[in-house]
Protein backbone atom coordinates (compact mmCIF):
# COMPACT_ATOMS: atom_id res chain seq x y z
CA MET A 1 6.36 -10.46 -1.65
CA ILE A 2 8.33 -7.77 -3.44
CA ASN A 3 9.99 -10.26 -5.79
CA ASP A 4 6.64 -12.02 -6.42
CA TYR A 5 5.04 -8.72 -7.21
CA ALA A 6 7.83 -7.78 -9.60
CA GLU A 7 7.25 -10.99 -11.46
CA ALA A 8 3.50 -10.65 -11.56
CA SER A 9 3.59 -7.00 -12.64
CA ASN A 10 6.72 -7.26 -14.87
CA ASP A 11 8.11 -4.30 -12.93
CA TYR A 12 11.77 -5.14 -12.37
CA ASN A 13 12.89 -1.69 -11.38
CA PRO A 14 16.14 -2.27 -9.49
CA ILE A 15 15.03 -0.08 -6.56
CA HIS A 16 12.66 -2.95 -5.74
CA ILE A 17 14.69 -6.07 -6.53
CA ASP A 18 18.43 -5.21 -6.45
CA GLU A 19 19.75 -4.58 -2.92
CA GLU A 20 23.10 -3.34 -4.20
CA PHE A 21 21.51 -0.89 -6.59
CA ALA A 22 19.00 0.23 -3.88
CA SER A 23 21.77 0.76 -1.28
CA SER A 24 23.24 3.48 -3.50
CA SER A 25 19.88 5.22 -4.02
CA ILE A 26 18.28 7.92 -1.85
CA PHE A 27 16.33 5.12 -0.11
CA LYS A 28 19.47 3.21 0.95
CA SER A 29 17.62 -0.09 0.69
CA ARG A 30 15.04 -1.96 -1.40
CA ILE A 31 11.53 -0.58 -1.26
CA ALA A 32 8.19 -2.21 -2.04
CA HIS A 33 6.28 -1.25 -5.16
CA GLY A 34 3.67 1.40 -4.31
CA MET A 35 1.07 -0.73 -6.05
CA LEU A 36 2.01 -3.70 -3.86
CA THR A 37 1.28 -1.65 -0.77
CA LEU A 38 -2.03 -0.50 -2.28
CA SER A 39 -2.99 -4.07 -3.20
CA ILE A 40 -2.42 -5.15 0.39
CA ILE A 41 -4.75 -2.34 1.52
CA MET A 42 -7.35 -3.34 -1.09
CA GLU A 43 -7.21 -7.00 0.00
CA TYR A 44 -7.82 -5.94 3.61
CA LEU A 45 -10.73 -3.67 2.57
CA TYR A 46 -12.27 -6.52 0.62
CA ASP A 47 -12.04 -8.81 3.64
CA VAL A 48 -13.78 -6.18 5.81
CA TYR A 49 -16.36 -4.79 3.33
CA SER A 50 -16.76 -7.61 0.75
CA GLU A 51 -20.40 -6.98 -0.07
CA LYS A 52 -19.99 -3.27 -0.40
CA MET A 53 -16.79 -3.65 -2.33
CA LEU A 54 -18.72 -5.42 -5.00
CA GLN A 55 -20.85 -2.31 -5.45
CA ASN A 56 -19.65 1.00 -6.96
CA THR A 57 -16.81 2.47 -4.95
CA VAL A 58 -14.05 4.95 -5.54
CA PHE A 59 -10.68 4.39 -3.97
CA GLU A 60 -8.31 7.35 -3.70
CA ALA A 61 -4.78 7.02 -2.31
CA ARG A 62 -1.61 9.06 -1.78
CA LEU A 63 1.72 7.34 -1.33
CA LYS A 64 3.52 9.32 1.39
CA ASN A 65 6.58 7.29 2.35
CA PRO A 66 8.33 4.22 1.00
CA VAL A 67 7.78 0.84 2.57
CA TYR A 68 11.09 -1.02 2.94
CA SER A 69 11.48 -4.70 2.33
CA GLU A 70 11.71 -5.67 5.97
CA GLU A 71 9.03 -3.31 7.30
CA LYS A 72 5.63 -4.27 8.55
CA ILE A 73 2.59 -2.08 7.94
CA LYS A 74 -0.63 -1.47 9.92
CA ILE A 75 -3.84 -0.54 8.23
CA CYS A 76 -6.24 1.68 10.20
CA LEU A 77 -9.84 2.41 9.14
CA GLU A 78 -11.95 5.29 10.37
CA GLU A 79 -15.54 5.40 9.16
CA LYS A 80 -16.21 9.12 8.62
CA THR A 81 -19.75 8.67 7.26
CA LYS A 82 -21.77 5.90 5.69
CA GLU A 83 -20.34 7.03 2.33
CA LYS A 84 -16.69 7.46 3.26
CA ILE A 85 -13.97 5.53 5.06
CA SER A 86 -10.58 7.04 5.74
CA ILE A 87 -7.66 4.70 5.56
CA THR A 88 -4.22 5.21 7.04
CA CYS A 89 -1.35 2.80 6.42
CA LYS A 90 1.44 3.23 8.96
CA LYS A 91 4.86 1.68 9.13
CA SER A 92 6.19 0.12 12.31
CA ASN A 93 8.14 3.32 13.08
CA GLY A 94 4.87 5.35 13.03
CA ASP A 95 5.41 7.05 9.70
CA GLU A 96 2.46 7.21 7.38
CA ALA A 97 3.08 5.20 4.22
CA VAL A 98 -0.33 5.72 2.56
CA SER A 99 -3.29 8.02 3.17
CA ALA A 100 -6.43 6.91 1.36
CA SER A 101 -10.21 6.98 1.30
CA LEU A 102 -12.94 4.67 0.09
CA LEU A 103 -16.10 6.30 -1.15
CA PHE A 104 -19.26 4.24 -1.46
CA LYS A 105 -21.61 5.36 -4.23
């Protein structure tokens, strides 16, 4: 997915696509594009809230930790109110990768 996203977005930063380069970085391995992780979350939200997603919404997100090329992520939703959903994206080791919210207008 990382290589496909690099091609689609034209973002060939070596931290994402070059294992040798990434191994000498602070991350020690390739990481996914932050926008790739966010697009996975948005796809999931659309699957769950398709009708509402077609209406006016505001999506706010904070990237907290990198997602490495071999990691799996889990998206958790918590409906705070009818107007707001809190989203947490956790990595398999339990670290939070993304903290986000979806506001329905």
